[in-house]
Amino acid sequence: MSHSTMKQYDLIVIGAGPAGEKAAVKAAYFGHKVAIIDKSPSLGGAAVNTGTLPSKTLKETALFLSGKYEKELYKLDQTLSETATIDDFLHAKDTIISSEAQEILENIIRHKVDLYTGDAKFIDANHVEILENDKQTKIQGTHTIIATGSYPYQPKVIPFDNNRVHDSDSILNIDRFPKSLCVIGAGVIGCEYCTIFSTMGVKVHLVNAYDVVLPFLDQEIANGLVKQMRKDDIKIHFNTKMKAIKAPENNKEAIEIELQTR
């Protein structure tokens, strides 16, 4: 494609998460010609698809299905968690993702921003190639904003298979409730999923390399969380690291995790 036939933009935004979307539509609002590129057909980035909204929706779903607040407030033992299916558990999360992604798409269209789906690759400072399957598209831009966000780091020593060994993205697409769950890391995401699955009746172990959880928080708050987690029968292994993990291909065989305490 020659430069004369290549679409030209004042601004190219790579990534349609919260930052990328807002930058693109704001520039378009002020009259600039804008293109936005995202590799996923479901817009919104991690905030919509794998992070903030999905995890918070799962938390609220777990609280509802378990009747946790009602049991504590009214001393009633009314719970759906024992009969709830994995589809019941994931339904609201999937609905929220779909509706929010659609809202972002409509906002992009409303502001007349050109949307491209695929992987973006710089040819030079002002030209970007978009790869989608076997299709290649090249566009030109005066300015570019890179807003590609982040994704979970996967250490090579852990045999991630998205079946029984998950990261914080793939855990959102499980097809069954595990009998037990071991969470490595007591950061925000680790603690959040511990409490979600514990609320649904899963036996949870939390492996924490340090002597406190969430060290950036006021420790009165963090200690309150630890107290509640222990009350919910979450086993916390402080000052402990994962030394090795063995995940048999047979799902009926238990995953073996070797821990090392310092």
Protein backbone atom coordinates (compact mmCIF):
# COMPACT_ATOMS: atom_id res chain seq x y z
CA MET A 1 0.00 0.00 0.00
CA SER A 2 1.42 3.35 -1.00
CA HIS A 3 1.49 6.26 1.42
CA SER A 4 -1.01 8.09 -0.80
CA THR A 5 -3.69 5.39 -0.27
CA MET A 6 -2.82 4.66 3.36
CA LYS A 7 -5.27 6.06 5.92
CA GLN A 8 -3.75 8.97 7.83
CA TYR A 9 -4.60 10.03 11.37
CA ASP A 10 -3.71 12.79 13.75
CA LEU A 11 -3.54 10.23 16.55
CA ILE A 12 -3.15 6.45 16.74
CA VAL A 13 -3.97 4.84 20.08
CA ILE A 14 -2.76 1.28 20.73
CA GLY A 15 -4.90 -0.38 23.38
CA ALA A 16 -8.62 0.10 24.05
CA GLY A 17 -8.58 -0.15 27.82
CA PRO A 18 -9.76 2.71 30.07
CA ALA A 19 -6.77 4.94 29.27
CA GLY A 20 -6.70 4.24 25.54
CA GLU A 21 -10.44 4.65 25.06
CA LYS A 22 -10.58 7.96 26.95
CA ALA A 23 -7.57 9.35 25.07
CA ALA A 24 -9.03 8.38 21.71
CA VAL A 25 -12.54 9.77 22.23
CA LYS A 26 -11.26 12.96 23.88
CA ALA A 27 -8.99 13.69 20.92
CA ALA A 28 -11.85 12.94 18.53
CA TYR A 29 -14.15 15.23 20.55
CA PHE A 30 -11.77 18.10 19.84
CA GLY A 31 -11.88 17.44 16.11
CA HIS A 32 -8.85 15.23 15.53
CA LYS A 33 -8.91 12.19 13.25
CA VAL A 34 -8.23 9.19 15.49
CA ALA A 35 -7.64 5.45 15.13
CA ILE A 36 -7.65 2.97 18.01
CA ILE A 37 -6.19 -0.54 17.83
CA ASP A 38 -6.85 -3.46 20.18
CA LYS A 39 -5.86 -7.09 19.77
CA SER A 40 -9.06 -8.33 21.43
CA PRO A 41 -12.56 -8.06 19.95
CA SER A 42 -13.80 -7.55 23.54
CA LEU A 43 -12.85 -3.97 24.32
CA GLY A 44 -11.99 -2.53 27.71
CA GLY A 45 -8.65 -4.14 28.48
CA ALA A 46 -7.93 -5.80 31.80
CA ALA A 47 -10.30 -3.53 33.71
CA VAL A 48 -13.30 -4.93 31.85
CA ASN A 49 -12.19 -8.40 30.78
CA THR A 50 -9.82 -9.86 33.38
CA GLY A 51 -9.38 -7.45 36.27
CA THR A 52 -11.45 -4.95 38.19
CA LEU A 53 -14.99 -5.55 36.97
CA PRO A 54 -14.88 -9.37 36.65
CA SER A 55 -13.29 -9.97 40.05
CA LYS A 56 -15.60 -7.53 41.85
CA THR A 57 -18.61 -9.13 40.17
CA LEU A 58 -17.45 -12.59 41.26
CA LYS A 59 -17.05 -11.29 44.81
CA GLU A 60 -20.61 -9.99 44.88
CA THR A 61 -21.89 -13.21 43.28
CA ALA A 62 -20.11 -15.32 45.90
CA LEU A 63 -21.56 -13.20 48.72
CA PHE A 64 -25.06 -13.53 47.25
CA LEU A 65 -24.92 -17.26 46.56
CA SER A 66 -23.37 -18.03 49.94
CA GLY A 67 -25.71 -15.79 51.92
CA LYS A 68 -22.66 -14.74 53.93
CA TYR A 69 -23.91 -11.32 55.00
CA GLU A 70 -27.41 -12.57 55.74
CA LYS A 71 -26.08 -15.38 57.93
CA GLU A 72 -23.95 -12.95 59.94
CA LEU A 73 -26.65 -10.28 60.25
CA TYR A 74 -29.81 -12.34 60.72
CA LYS A 75 -28.31 -15.62 61.95
CA LEU A 76 -30.02 -17.41 59.08
CA ASP A 77 -28.52 -20.43 57.32
CA GLN A 78 -29.87 -19.74 53.84
CA THR A 79 -27.27 -20.53 51.22
CA LEU A 80 -27.27 -21.38 47.54
CA SER A 81 -23.52 -22.07 47.32
CA GLU A 82 -23.93 -25.82 47.87
CA THR A 83 -26.35 -26.13 44.94
CA ALA A 84 -24.99 -23.35 42.70
CA THR A 85 -23.30 -24.46 39.48
CA ILE A 86 -20.22 -22.94 37.93
CA ASP A 87 -22.51 -21.35 35.32
CA ASP A 88 -24.47 -19.67 38.13
CA PHE A 89 -21.19 -18.41 39.55
CA LEU A 90 -19.90 -16.99 36.26
CA HIS A 91 -23.15 -15.71 34.73
CA ALA A 92 -23.12 -12.18 36.16
CA LYS A 93 -19.40 -11.78 35.41
CA ASP A 94 -19.92 -12.72 31.76
CA THR A 95 -22.93 -10.40 31.48
CA ILE A 96 -21.01 -7.44 32.92
CA ILE A 97 -18.04 -8.00 30.60
CA SER A 98 -20.29 -8.17 27.54
CA SER A 99 -22.34 -5.09 28.42
CA GLU A 100 -19.33 -2.93 29.34
CA ALA A 101 -17.39 -3.94 26.22
CA GLN A 102 -20.44 -3.04 24.11
CA GLU A 103 -20.74 0.34 25.82
CA ILE A 104 -17.10 1.11 25.03
CA LEU A 105 -17.63 0.09 21.39
CA GLU A 106 -20.65 2.38 21.12
CA ASN A 107 -18.67 5.26 22.64
CA ILE A 108 -15.89 4.77 20.08
CA ILE A 109 -18.38 4.67 17.21
CA ARG A 110 -20.28 7.68 18.57
CA HIS A 111 -17.09 9.78 18.47
CA LYS A 112 -16.25 8.55 14.95
CA VAL A 113 -12.99 6.91 16.00
CA ASP A 114 -11.80 4.24 13.56
CA LEU A 115 -11.42 0.89 15.32
CA TYR A 116 -8.94 -1.78 14.21
CA THR A 117 -8.73 -5.26 15.72
CA GLY A 118 -5.38 -7.03 15.67
CA ASP A 119 -1.76 -6.83 16.84
CA ALA A 120 -0.07 -3.47 16.27
CA LYS A 121 3.51 -3.30 15.00
CA PHE A 122 5.54 -0.16 14.40
CA ILE A 123 7.07 0.11 10.94
CA ASP A 124 8.65 3.42 11.89
CA ALA A 125 7.78 6.35 14.16
CA ASN A 126 4.72 7.32 12.11
CA HIS A 127 3.52 4.09 10.49
CA VAL A 128 1.80 1.17 12.20
CA GLU A 129 0.97 -2.25 10.78
CA ILE A 130 -2.07 -4.11 12.14
CA LEU A 131 -2.01 -7.89 11.90
CA GLU A 132 -5.31 -9.81 12.20
CA ASN A 133 -5.01 -13.47 11.20
CA ASP A 134 -3.72 -13.27 7.60
CA LYS A 135 -4.88 -9.69 7.07
CA GLN A 136 -2.39 -6.82 7.17
CA THR A 137 -3.38 -3.16 7.35
CA LYS A 138 -1.02 -0.18 7.46
CA ILE A 139 -1.93 3.25 8.77
CA GLN A 140 -0.07 6.50 9.31
CA GLY A 141 -0.25 8.76 12.36
CA THR A 142 1.27 12.06 13.42
CA HIS A 143 1.15 11.06 17.08
CA THR A 144 0.84 7.71 18.88
CA ILE A 145 -0.25 6.76 22.37
CA ILE A 146 0.72 3.32 23.65
CA ALA A 147 -1.80 2.16 26.26
CA THR A 148 -1.37 -1.59 26.14
CA GLY A 149 -1.75 -2.28 29.87
CA SER A 150 -0.37 -5.39 31.51
CA TYR A 151 -0.90 -9.13 31.90
CA PRO A 152 0.01 -11.72 34.56
CA TYR A 153 3.63 -12.83 34.72
CA GLN A 154 4.03 -16.61 34.35
CA PRO A 155 7.21 -17.99 35.94
CA LYS A 156 8.62 -20.86 33.87
CA VAL A 157 8.84 -23.10 36.95
CA ILE A 158 5.03 -23.18 37.20
CA PRO A 159 3.28 -25.45 34.64
CA PHE A 160 0.38 -23.18 33.70
CA ASP A 161 -2.21 -25.15 31.72
CA ASN A 162 -5.39 -23.07 32.22
CA ASN A 163 -7.00 -26.28 33.43
CA ARG A 164 -5.87 -26.76 37.00
CA VAL A 165 -2.92 -24.37 37.16
CA HIS A 166 -4.15 -20.84 36.49
CA ASP A 167 -3.06 -17.23 36.54
CA SER A 168 -5.40 -14.41 37.54
CA ASP A 169 -6.76 -14.20 33.97
CA SER A 170 -7.55 -17.83 33.23
CA ILE A 171 -9.11 -18.44 36.66
CA LEU A 172 -12.03 -16.35 35.37
CA ASN A 173 -12.90 -19.09 32.87
CA ILE A 174 -12.86 -22.19 35.06
CA ASP A 175 -15.39 -24.88 34.18
CA ARG A 176 -15.83 -26.37 37.66
CA PHE A 177 -15.37 -25.55 41.33
CA PRO A 178 -12.11 -26.98 42.69
CA LYS A 179 -12.21 -29.02 45.89
CA SER A 180 -9.26 -27.00 47.12
CA LEU A 181 -7.22 -24.04 45.92
CA CYS A 182 -3.67 -22.90 46.61
CA VAL A 183 -2.97 -19.23 45.87
CA ILE A 184 0.67 -18.17 45.51
CA GLY A 185 1.13 -14.55 46.53
CA ALA A 186 -0.72 -12.43 49.10
CA GLY A 187 -1.10 -9.25 47.10
CA VAL A 188 -4.40 -7.62 46.26
CA ILE A 189 -5.36 -10.16 43.59
CA GLY A 190 -4.25 -13.18 45.61
CA CYS A 191 -6.16 -12.14 48.71
CA GLU A 192 -9.22 -11.28 46.64
CA TYR A 193 -9.47 -14.69 45.00
CA CYS A 194 -8.80 -16.42 48.32
CA THR A 195 -11.84 -14.76 49.86
CA ILE A 196 -14.03 -15.30 46.77
CA PHE A 197 -13.45 -19.04 46.54
CA SER A 198 -13.49 -19.55 50.30
CA THR A 199 -16.90 -17.89 50.39
CA MET A 200 -18.07 -20.47 47.82
CA GLY A 201 -16.99 -23.31 50.12
CA VAL A 202 -13.61 -24.12 48.56
CA LYS A 203 -10.78 -25.02 50.94
CA VAL A 204 -8.12 -22.35 50.34
CA HIS A 205 -4.40 -22.14 51.15
CA LEU A 206 -2.56 -18.82 50.74
CA VAL A 207 1.22 -18.98 50.33
CA ASN A 208 2.90 -15.71 51.30
CA ALA A 209 6.66 -15.15 51.09
CA TYR A 210 6.50 -12.40 53.73
CA ASP A 211 5.35 -12.05 57.33
CA VAL A 212 2.46 -9.71 56.44
CA VAL A 213 -0.14 -9.43 53.69
CA LEU A 214 -0.59 -6.26 51.65
CA PRO A 215 2.47 -4.49 53.14
CA PHE A 216 1.56 -1.19 51.47
CA LEU A 217 -1.58 -0.93 53.59
CA ASP A 218 -2.01 0.32 57.13
CA GLN A 219 -1.28 -2.91 58.98
CA GLU A 220 -4.30 -2.48 61.22
CA ILE A 221 -6.39 -2.98 58.08
CA ALA A 222 -4.21 -5.83 56.79
CA ASN A 223 -4.34 -7.59 60.16
CA GLY A 224 -8.12 -7.24 60.15
CA LEU A 225 -8.19 -9.00 56.79
CA VAL A 226 -5.97 -11.80 58.09
CA LYS A 227 -8.26 -12.24 61.09
CA GLN A 228 -11.31 -12.50 58.84
CA MET A 229 -9.56 -14.88 56.45
CA ARG A 230 -8.64 -17.19 59.32
CA LYS A 231 -12.21 -16.98 60.58
CA ASP A 232 -13.27 -18.15 57.10
CA ASP A 233 -10.90 -21.14 57.42
CA ILE A 234 -8.33 -19.85 54.91
CA LYS A 235 -4.94 -21.35 55.79
CA ILE A 236 -2.23 -18.68 55.45
CA HIS A 237 1.40 -19.83 55.17
CA PHE A 238 3.54 -16.85 56.17
CA ASN A 239 7.29 -16.59 55.36
CA THR A 240 6.82 -19.42 52.88
CA LYS A 241 7.73 -19.86 49.24
CA MET A 242 6.71 -22.40 46.65
CA LYS A 243 9.75 -24.58 45.98
CA ALA A 244 8.28 -26.95 43.39
CA ILE A 245 4.97 -27.94 41.86
CA LYS A 246 3.91 -31.15 40.12
CA ALA A 247 0.62 -31.17 38.22
CA PRO A 248 -0.31 -34.64 36.87
CA GLU A 249 -2.17 -34.70 33.55
CA ASN A 250 -4.83 -36.89 35.15
CA ASN A 251 -7.29 -34.47 36.75
CA LYS A 252 -8.17 -37.05 39.39
CA GLU A 253 -4.62 -36.97 40.76
CA ALA A 254 -3.84 -34.23 43.26
CA ILE A 255 -1.42 -31.42 42.42
CA GLU A 256 1.66 -31.63 44.63
CA ILE A 257 3.16 -28.37 45.88
CA GLU A 258 6.39 -28.33 47.84
CA LEU A 259 6.73 -25.37 50.18
CA GLN A 260 9.83 -23.89 51.78
CA THR A 261 9.57 -21.89 54.99
CA ARG A 262 12.29 -19.42 55.90
